[in-house]
Amino acid sequence: MWKVVEQGDYIPHDNVGRGIPKGRWNENQKQRFILNSKARNALMCALTKEEYTKVHSFRSAKQIWDTLAITYEGSIEVKCNKLSLLVYELFEMEENESIQAMFGRFQTIVNELSFLGRTYDNFDHIEKLLRSLPRKWRPQVMALRAFKDLEKLSLEELVGLLKVLEMELQQDEAKRK
């Protein structure tokens, strides 16, 4: 049934590529043709009233699906615009933000980018996180780069190390006060 949604109605053809009249269809061809109605019905049953009014006049499941996809996912142009709006490249930790909050924000961006088809490898994520830290973290970042093999470090390990460093920075600031 999903093939009908993605590719459109099934219309039987002969060996030359001409459509076979309905009266000459065999049972298998009739069943495959009916799949459009089943797929259309399944889609219609899943829609809200507002969505239903947008697509109720469409005869093919493919038309319904394509319309809903553009409505909710957007066209290629919309997806590209979303990618630029997510600004992975411009991501930075905010001044009074915790490592946990920053990582949560980062993961949200990474997940959205992945959903839109843009992926980065683990090392890129590690480099991005290290570059996004505020200036006061520079000595800790330099130490991490010098003493850890960042190629083999997991993102979770990095966040754990940064949390420990964050606690130490907080203790230092408390002592200064």
C-alpha atoms as a PDB file:
ATOM      1  CA  MET A   1       0.000   0.000   0.000  1.00  0.00           C
ATOM      2  CA  TRP A   2       2.862   2.393   0.781  1.00  0.00           C
ATOM      3  CA  LYS A   3       4.088   2.069  -2.815  1.00  0.00           C
ATOM      4  CA  VAL A   4       0.800   3.593  -3.959  1.00  0.00           C
ATOM      5  CA  VAL A   5       1.284   6.542  -1.582  1.00  0.00           C
ATOM      6  CA  GLU A   6       4.831   7.187  -2.791  1.00  0.00           C
ATOM      7  CA  GLN A   7       4.497   6.361  -6.495  1.00  0.00           C
ATOM      8  CA  GLY A   8       0.835   6.939  -7.329  1.00  0.00           C
ATOM      9  CA  ASP A   9      -2.046   4.793  -8.551  1.00  0.00           C
ATOM     10  CA  TYR A  10      -1.411   1.381 -10.039  1.00  0.00           C
ATOM     11  CA  ILE A  11      -2.674   1.185 -13.610  1.00  0.00           C
ATOM     12  CA  PRO A  12      -2.100  -2.172 -15.361  1.00  0.00           C
ATOM     13  CA  HIS A  13      -0.260  -2.026 -18.693  1.00  0.00           C
ATOM     14  CA  ASP A  14       0.362  -4.620 -21.381  1.00  0.00           C
ATOM     15  CA  ASN A  15       3.802  -5.625 -22.687  1.00  0.00           C
ATOM     16  CA  VAL A  16       3.902  -2.655 -25.060  1.00  0.00           C
ATOM     17  CA  GLY A  17       3.110  -0.163 -22.286  1.00  0.00           C
ATOM     18  CA  ARG A  18      -0.510   0.587 -23.171  1.00  0.00           C
ATOM     19  CA  GLY A  19      -3.140   0.700 -20.431  1.00  0.00           C
ATOM     20  CA  ILE A  20      -5.283  -2.429 -20.196  1.00  0.00           C
ATOM     21  CA  PRO A  21      -9.059  -1.735 -20.131  1.00  0.00           C
ATOM     22  CA  LYS A  22     -10.647  -2.428 -16.704  1.00  0.00           C
ATOM     23  CA  GLY A  23     -12.797  -5.197 -18.135  1.00  0.00           C
ATOM     24  CA  ARG A  24      -9.683  -7.275 -18.972  1.00  0.00           C
ATOM     25  CA  TRP A  25      -7.911  -6.927 -15.617  1.00  0.00           C
ATOM     26  CA  ASN A  26      -7.142 -10.113 -13.743  1.00  0.00           C
ATOM     27  CA  GLU A  27      -7.895 -10.464 -10.018  1.00  0.00           C
ATOM     28  CA  ASN A  28      -4.350  -9.489  -8.941  1.00  0.00           C
ATOM     29  CA  GLN A  29      -4.468  -6.300 -11.033  1.00  0.00           C
ATOM     30  CA  LYS A  30      -7.871  -5.385  -9.553  1.00  0.00           C
ATOM     31  CA  GLN A  31      -6.546  -5.867  -6.007  1.00  0.00           C
ATOM     32  CA  ARG A  32      -3.490  -3.711  -6.683  1.00  0.00           C
ATOM     33  CA  PHE A  33      -5.702  -0.979  -8.178  1.00  0.00           C
ATOM     34  CA  ILE A  34      -7.905  -1.003  -5.061  1.00  0.00           C
ATOM     35  CA  LEU A  35      -4.839  -0.253  -2.915  1.00  0.00           C
ATOM     36  CA  ASN A  36      -5.157   3.453  -3.802  1.00  0.00           C
ATOM     37  CA  SER A  37      -8.639   3.546  -2.254  1.00  0.00           C
ATOM     38  CA  LYS A  38      -7.388   1.730   0.837  1.00  0.00           C
ATOM     39  CA  ALA A  39      -4.378   4.036   1.184  1.00  0.00           C
ATOM     40  CA  ARG A  40      -6.547   7.126   0.593  1.00  0.00           C
ATOM     41  CA  ASN A  41      -9.018   5.923   3.227  1.00  0.00           C
ATOM     42  CA  ALA A  42      -6.240   5.231   5.756  1.00  0.00           C
ATOM     43  CA  LEU A  43      -4.805   8.707   5.238  1.00  0.00           C
ATOM     44  CA  MET A  44      -8.214  10.394   5.463  1.00  0.00           C
ATOM     45  CA  CYS A  45      -9.015   8.609   8.733  1.00  0.00           C
ATOM     46  CA  ALA A  46      -5.816   9.937  10.301  1.00  0.00           C
ATOM     47  CA  LEU A  47      -6.474  13.591   9.457  1.00  0.00           C
ATOM     48  CA  THR A  48      -7.908  16.363  11.580  1.00  0.00           C
ATOM     49  CA  LYS A  49     -10.965  18.219  10.284  1.00  0.00           C
ATOM     50  CA  GLU A  50      -8.798  21.105   9.033  1.00  0.00           C
ATOM     51  CA  GLU A  51      -6.399  18.783   7.232  1.00  0.00           C
ATOM     52  CA  TYR A  52      -9.298  16.812   5.772  1.00  0.00           C
ATOM     53  CA  THR A  53     -10.817  19.926   4.206  1.00  0.00           C
ATOM     54  CA  LYS A  54      -7.529  20.629   2.414  1.00  0.00           C
ATOM     55  CA  VAL A  55      -7.343  17.235   0.706  1.00  0.00           C
ATOM     56  CA  HIS A  56     -10.836  15.676   0.651  1.00  0.00           C
ATOM     57  CA  SER A  57     -11.303  16.285  -3.072  1.00  0.00           C
ATOM     58  CA  PHE A  58      -8.085  14.512  -4.075  1.00  0.00           C
ATOM     59  CA  ARG A  59      -8.594  11.128  -5.726  1.00  0.00           C
ATOM     60  CA  SER A  60      -5.135   9.670  -5.194  1.00  0.00           C
ATOM     61  CA  ALA A  61      -3.314   8.825  -1.987  1.00  0.00           C
ATOM     62  CA  LYS A  62      -0.144  10.232  -3.548  1.00  0.00           C
ATOM     63  CA  GLN A  63      -1.752  13.659  -4.046  1.00  0.00           C
ATOM     64  CA  ILE A  64      -2.904  13.668  -0.426  1.00  0.00           C
ATOM     65  CA  TRP A  65       0.503  12.613   0.879  1.00  0.00           C
ATOM     66  CA  ASP A  66       2.436  15.099  -1.268  1.00  0.00           C
ATOM     67  CA  THR A  67       0.169  17.966  -0.175  1.00  0.00           C
ATOM     68  CA  LEU A  68       0.548  17.064   3.501  1.00  0.00           C
ATOM     69  CA  ALA A  69       4.326  16.677   3.123  1.00  0.00           C
ATOM     70  CA  ILE A  70       4.688  20.154   1.636  1.00  0.00           C
ATOM     71  CA  THR A  71       2.329  21.594   4.248  1.00  0.00           C
ATOM     72  CA  TYR A  72       4.209  20.175   7.237  1.00  0.00           C
ATOM     73  CA  GLU A  73       7.762  19.554   6.029  1.00  0.00           C
ATOM     74  CA  GLY A  74       7.928  22.266   3.417  1.00  0.00           C
ATOM     75  CA  SER A  75       9.480  22.313  -0.005  1.00  0.00           C
ATOM     76  CA  ILE A  76      13.200  21.906  -0.665  1.00  0.00           C
ATOM     77  CA  GLU A  77      13.568  25.693  -0.386  1.00  0.00           C
ATOM     78  CA  VAL A  78      11.881  25.703   3.032  1.00  0.00           C
ATOM     79  CA  LYS A  79      14.119  22.866   4.240  1.00  0.00           C
ATOM     80  CA  CYS A  80      17.241  24.718   3.097  1.00  0.00           C
ATOM     81  CA  ASN A  81      16.040  27.854   4.822  1.00  0.00           C
ATOM     82  CA  LYS A  82      15.434  25.872   8.024  1.00  0.00           C
ATOM     83  CA  LEU A  83      18.993  24.551   7.814  1.00  0.00           C
ATOM     84  CA  SER A  84      20.398  28.045   7.638  1.00  0.00           C
ATOM     85  CA  LEU A  85      18.144  29.201  10.486  1.00  0.00           C
ATOM     86  CA  LEU A  86      19.352  26.433  12.773  1.00  0.00           C
ATOM     87  CA  VAL A  87      22.813  28.007  12.565  1.00  0.00           C
ATOM     88  CA  TYR A  88      24.938  25.103  13.680  1.00  0.00           C
ATOM     89  CA  GLU A  89      27.970  27.034  12.545  1.00  0.00           C
ATOM     90  CA  LEU A  90      27.131  30.050  14.729  1.00  0.00           C
ATOM     91  CA  PHE A  91      26.241  28.069  17.847  1.00  0.00           C
ATOM     92  CA  GLU A  92      27.833  29.402  21.052  1.00  0.00           C
ATOM     93  CA  MET A  93      27.393  28.813  24.745  1.00  0.00           C
ATOM     94  CA  GLU A  94      25.604  31.694  26.441  1.00  0.00           C
ATOM     95  CA  GLU A  95      27.480  33.525  29.204  1.00  0.00           C
ATOM     96  CA  ASN A  96      25.626  32.219  32.280  1.00  0.00           C
ATOM     97  CA  GLU A  97      24.461  28.945  30.732  1.00  0.00           C
ATOM     98  CA  SER A  98      25.324  25.597  32.294  1.00  0.00           C
ATOM     99  CA  ILE A  99      27.083  22.868  30.336  1.00  0.00           C
ATOM    100  CA  GLN A 100      23.951  20.707  30.648  1.00  0.00           C
ATOM    101  CA  ALA A 101      21.681  23.433  29.231  1.00  0.00           C
ATOM    102  CA  MET A 102      24.147  24.240  26.444  1.00  0.00           C
ATOM    103  CA  PHE A 103      24.443  20.572  25.493  1.00  0.00           C
ATOM    104  CA  GLY A 104      20.650  20.202  25.460  1.00  0.00           C
ATOM    105  CA  ARG A 105      20.363  23.148  23.082  1.00  0.00           C
ATOM    106  CA  PHE A 106      23.155  21.725  20.939  1.00  0.00           C
ATOM    107  CA  GLN A 107      21.498  18.291  20.755  1.00  0.00           C
ATOM    108  CA  THR A 108      18.224  19.888  19.663  1.00  0.00           C
ATOM    109  CA  ILE A 109      19.986  21.625  16.774  1.00  0.00           C
ATOM    110  CA  VAL A 110      21.887  18.462  15.806  1.00  0.00           C
ATOM    111  CA  ASN A 111      18.669  16.403  15.851  1.00  0.00           C
ATOM    112  CA  GLU A 112      16.808  18.956  13.722  1.00  0.00           C
ATOM    113  CA  LEU A 113      19.679  19.051  11.244  1.00  0.00           C
ATOM    114  CA  SER A 114      19.730  15.257  11.085  1.00  0.00           C
ATOM    115  CA  PHE A 115      15.982  15.233  10.430  1.00  0.00           C
ATOM    116  CA  LEU A 116      16.565  17.635   7.545  1.00  0.00           C
ATOM    117  CA  GLY A 117      19.344  15.466   6.108  1.00  0.00           C
ATOM    118  CA  ARG A 118      22.441  17.306   7.349  1.00  0.00           C
ATOM    119  CA  THR A 119      24.746  15.231   9.537  1.00  0.00           C
ATOM    120  CA  TYR A 120      28.160  15.781  11.086  1.00  0.00           C
ATOM    121  CA  ASP A 121      30.526  13.224  12.567  1.00  0.00           C
ATOM    122  CA  ASN A 122      31.385  12.937  16.264  1.00  0.00           C
ATOM    123  CA  PHE A 123      34.697  14.804  15.916  1.00  0.00           C
ATOM    124  CA  ASP A 124      32.911  17.756  14.263  1.00  0.00           C
ATOM    125  CA  HIS A 125      30.504  17.913  17.195  1.00  0.00           C
ATOM    126  CA  ILE A 126      33.357  17.840  19.704  1.00  0.00           C
ATOM    127  CA  GLU A 127      35.224  20.587  17.877  1.00  0.00           C
ATOM    128  CA  LYS A 128      32.063  22.660  17.609  1.00  0.00           C
ATOM    129  CA  LEU A 129      31.330  22.344  21.339  1.00  0.00           C
ATOM    130  CA  LEU A 130      34.881  23.263  22.300  1.00  0.00           C
ATOM    131  CA  ARG A 131      34.837  26.312  20.005  1.00  0.00           C
ATOM    132  CA  SER A 132      31.454  27.383  21.392  1.00  0.00           C
ATOM    133  CA  LEU A 133      32.680  27.706  24.990  1.00  0.00           C
ATOM    134  CA  PRO A 134      33.180  31.233  26.401  1.00  0.00           C
ATOM    135  CA  ARG A 135      36.637  32.804  26.650  1.00  0.00           C
ATOM    136  CA  LYS A 136      37.041  31.928  30.355  1.00  0.00           C
ATOM    137  CA  TRP A 137      37.107  28.241  29.326  1.00  0.00           C
ATOM    138  CA  ARG A 138      40.100  28.666  27.023  1.00  0.00           C
ATOM    139  CA  PRO A 139      42.727  27.207  29.425  1.00  0.00           C
ATOM    140  CA  GLN A 140      40.561  24.117  30.029  1.00  0.00           C
ATOM    141  CA  VAL A 141      39.959  23.689  26.294  1.00  0.00           C
ATOM    142  CA  MET A 142      43.694  23.903  25.597  1.00  0.00           C
ATOM    143  CA  ALA A 143      44.360  21.285  28.296  1.00  0.00           C
ATOM    144  CA  LEU A 144      41.727  18.961  26.817  1.00  0.00           C
ATOM    145  CA  ARG A 145      43.223  19.331  23.356  1.00  0.00           C
ATOM    146  CA  ALA A 146      46.701  18.600  24.714  1.00  0.00           C
ATOM    147  CA  PHE A 147      45.922  15.622  26.905  1.00  0.00           C
ATOM    148  CA  LYS A 148      42.906  13.906  25.324  1.00  0.00           C
ATOM    149  CA  ASP A 149      42.660  12.151  21.988  1.00  0.00           C
ATOM    150  CA  LEU A 150      39.641  14.042  20.699  1.00  0.00           C
ATOM    151  CA  GLU A 151      39.311  11.652  17.744  1.00  0.00           C
ATOM    152  CA  LYS A 152      38.453   8.806  20.135  1.00  0.00           C
ATOM    153  CA  LEU A 153      36.478  10.814  22.699  1.00  0.00           C
ATOM    154  CA  SER A 154      32.703  10.367  22.686  1.00  0.00           C
ATOM    155  CA  LEU A 155      30.406  13.357  22.923  1.00  0.00           C
ATOM    156  CA  GLU A 156      29.042  12.100  26.249  1.00  0.00           C
ATOM    157  CA  GLU A 157      32.584  11.774  27.676  1.00  0.00           C
ATOM    158  CA  LEU A 158      33.336  15.336  26.597  1.00  0.00           C
ATOM    159  CA  VAL A 159      30.187  16.651  28.262  1.00  0.00           C
ATOM    160  CA  GLY A 160      31.097  14.742  31.427  1.00  0.00           C
ATOM    161  CA  LEU A 161      34.582  16.295  31.457  1.00  0.00           C
ATOM    162  CA  LEU A 162      33.123  19.740  30.837  1.00  0.00           C
ATOM    163  CA  LYS A 163      30.693  19.301  33.744  1.00  0.00           C
ATOM    164  CA  VAL A 164      33.618  18.493  36.058  1.00  0.00           C
ATOM    165  CA  LEU A 165      35.495  21.540  34.780  1.00  0.00           C
ATOM    166  CA  GLU A 166      32.351  23.640  35.247  1.00  0.00           C
ATOM    167  CA  MET A 167      32.150  22.594  38.908  1.00  0.00           C
ATOM    168  CA  GLU A 168      35.805  23.537  39.396  1.00  0.00           C
ATOM    169  CA  LEU A 169      35.250  26.940  37.760  1.00  0.00           C
ATOM    170  CA  GLN A 170      32.236  27.530  40.016  1.00  0.00           C
ATOM    171  CA  GLN A 171      34.299  26.631  43.103  1.00  0.00           C
ATOM    172  CA  ASP A 172      37.045  29.052  41.992  1.00  0.00           C
ATOM    173  CA  GLU A 173      34.509  31.843  41.528  1.00  0.00           C
ATOM    174  CA  ALA A 174      32.967  31.106  44.957  1.00  0.00           C
ATOM    175  CA  LYS A 175      36.433  31.334  46.599  1.00  0.00           C
ATOM    176  CA  ARG A 176      37.112  34.668  44.905  1.00  0.00           C
ATOM    177  CA  LYS A 177      33.876  36.104  46.282  1.00  0.00           C
END
